[in-house]
């Protein structure tokens, strides 16, 4: 029997259903994160997040990464 669990997002506190037993049907499978993005999220949170927060953190990572590259460019 698939394992489904009701969770609260640790970032925004929204309730969502985590479907670890059928991961292809889980809400998080709709967000495609690079390895760097996954590492960024896992440094901040130890548990599942809702789709909205995953997408917001993906954007946040992109902005931080872009800013970092600009700073490196300006220092050369």
C-alpha atoms as a PDB file:
ATOM      1  CA  UNK A   1       0.000   0.000   0.000  1.00  0.00           C
ATOM      2  CA  UNK A   2       1.441   3.409  -0.957  1.00  0.00           C
ATOM      3  CA  UNK A   3       2.655   5.625   1.830  1.00  0.00           C
ATOM      4  CA  UNK A   4       0.948   9.027   1.909  1.00  0.00           C
ATOM      5  CA  UNK A   5       1.448  11.486   4.691  1.00  0.00           C
ATOM      6  CA  UNK A   6      -0.162  14.797   5.559  1.00  0.00           C
ATOM      7  CA  UNK A   7       2.571  17.364   6.237  1.00  0.00           C
ATOM      8  CA  UNK A   8       2.952  21.025   7.005  1.00  0.00           C
ATOM      9  CA  UNK A   9       5.509  22.840   4.923  1.00  0.00           C
ATOM     10  CA  UNK A  10       8.299  23.922   7.297  1.00  0.00           C
ATOM     11  CA  UNK A  11       8.712  27.160   5.343  1.00  0.00           C
ATOM     12  CA  UNK A  12       5.133  28.459   4.944  1.00  0.00           C
ATOM     13  CA  UNK A  13       3.134  26.076   7.192  1.00  0.00           C
ATOM     14  CA  UNK A  14       0.698  25.102   4.386  1.00  0.00           C
ATOM     15  CA  UNK A  15      -0.682  21.587   4.710  1.00  0.00           C
ATOM     16  CA  UNK A  16      -0.015  19.224   1.790  1.00  0.00           C
ATOM     17  CA  UNK A  17      -0.002  15.513   1.079  1.00  0.00           C
ATOM     18  CA  UNK A  18       3.415  13.895   0.709  1.00  0.00           C
ATOM     19  CA  UNK A  19       3.231  10.747  -1.423  1.00  0.00           C
ATOM     20  CA  UNK A  20       6.553   9.062  -0.758  1.00  0.00           C
ATOM     21  CA  UNK A  21       4.996   5.705  -1.606  1.00  0.00           C
ATOM     22  CA  UNK A  22       4.129   6.893  -5.136  1.00  0.00           C
ATOM     23  CA  UNK A  23       6.705   9.602  -5.715  1.00  0.00           C
ATOM     24  CA  UNK A  24       5.662  10.133  -9.341  1.00  0.00           C
ATOM     25  CA  UNK A  25       2.274  11.335  -8.047  1.00  0.00           C
ATOM     26  CA  UNK A  26       3.753  13.514  -5.304  1.00  0.00           C
ATOM     27  CA  UNK A  27       3.361  17.274  -5.638  1.00  0.00           C
ATOM     28  CA  UNK A  28       7.151  17.750  -5.465  1.00  0.00           C
ATOM     29  CA  UNK A  29       7.730  15.693  -8.613  1.00  0.00           C
ATOM     30  CA  UNK A  30       6.400  18.667 -10.610  1.00  0.00           C
ATOM     31  CA  UNK A  31       9.390  20.808  -9.635  1.00  0.00           C
ATOM     32  CA  UNK A  32      12.614  19.969 -11.445  1.00  0.00           C
ATOM     33  CA  UNK A  33      15.607  21.014  -9.359  1.00  0.00           C
ATOM     34  CA  UNK A  34      19.236  20.804 -10.391  1.00  0.00           C
ATOM     35  CA  UNK A  35      21.670  19.139  -8.020  1.00  0.00           C
ATOM     36  CA  UNK A  36      22.884  22.577  -6.886  1.00  0.00           C
ATOM     37  CA  UNK A  37      19.311  23.691  -6.233  1.00  0.00           C
ATOM     38  CA  UNK A  38      18.574  20.506  -4.281  1.00  0.00           C
ATOM     39  CA  UNK A  39      21.709  21.076  -2.195  1.00  0.00           C
ATOM     40  CA  UNK A  40      20.619  24.650  -1.487  1.00  0.00           C
ATOM     41  CA  UNK A  41      17.166  23.545  -0.339  1.00  0.00           C
ATOM     42  CA  UNK A  42      18.561  20.712   1.793  1.00  0.00           C
ATOM     43  CA  UNK A  43      20.935  23.124   3.537  1.00  0.00           C
ATOM     44  CA  UNK A  44      17.925  25.168   4.630  1.00  0.00           C
ATOM     45  CA  UNK A  45      15.311  22.471   5.339  1.00  0.00           C
ATOM     46  CA  UNK A  46      15.364  18.869   6.507  1.00  0.00           C
ATOM     47  CA  UNK A  47      11.836  17.915   5.459  1.00  0.00           C
ATOM     48  CA  UNK A  48       9.510  18.071   2.466  1.00  0.00           C
ATOM     49  CA  UNK A  49       8.298  21.453   1.271  1.00  0.00           C
ATOM     50  CA  UNK A  50       5.189  22.425  -0.671  1.00  0.00           C
ATOM     51  CA  UNK A  51       5.421  23.069  -4.413  1.00  0.00           C
ATOM     52  CA  UNK A  52       5.129  26.832  -4.033  1.00  0.00           C
ATOM     53  CA  UNK A  53       8.042  26.984  -1.607  1.00  0.00           C
ATOM     54  CA  UNK A  54      10.162  24.691  -3.757  1.00  0.00           C
ATOM     55  CA  UNK A  55       9.621  26.985  -6.738  1.00  0.00           C
ATOM     56  CA  UNK A  56      10.313  30.092  -4.647  1.00  0.00           C
ATOM     57  CA  UNK A  57      13.552  28.588  -3.333  1.00  0.00           C
ATOM     58  CA  UNK A  58      14.529  27.620  -6.858  1.00  0.00           C
ATOM     59  CA  UNK A  59      14.089  31.256  -7.896  1.00  0.00           C
ATOM     60  CA  UNK A  60      15.900  32.476  -4.788  1.00  0.00           C
ATOM     61  CA  UNK A  61      18.844  30.196  -5.559  1.00  0.00           C
ATOM     62  CA  UNK A  62      18.944  31.436  -9.136  1.00  0.00           C
ATOM     63  CA  UNK A  63      19.033  35.065  -7.993  1.00  0.00           C
ATOM     64  CA  UNK A  64      21.733  34.373  -5.403  1.00  0.00           C
ATOM     65  CA  UNK A  65      23.785  32.470  -7.936  1.00  0.00           C
ATOM     66  CA  UNK A  66      23.404  35.263 -10.480  1.00  0.00           C
ATOM     67  CA  UNK A  67      24.403  37.889  -7.898  1.00  0.00           C
ATOM     68  CA  UNK A  68      27.432  35.803  -6.921  1.00  0.00           C
ATOM     69  CA  UNK A  69      28.548  35.628 -10.555  1.00  0.00           C
ATOM     70  CA  UNK A  70      28.155  39.381 -10.966  1.00  0.00           C
ATOM     71  CA  UNK A  71      30.236  40.004  -7.852  1.00  0.00           C
ATOM     72  CA  UNK A  72      32.951  37.681  -9.115  1.00  0.00           C
ATOM     73  CA  UNK A  73      32.947  39.440 -12.470  1.00  0.00           C
ATOM     74  CA  UNK A  74      33.209  42.872 -10.842  1.00  0.00           C
ATOM     75  CA  UNK A  75      36.142  41.779  -8.708  1.00  0.00           C
ATOM     76  CA  UNK A  76      38.225  40.863 -11.758  1.00  0.00           C
END
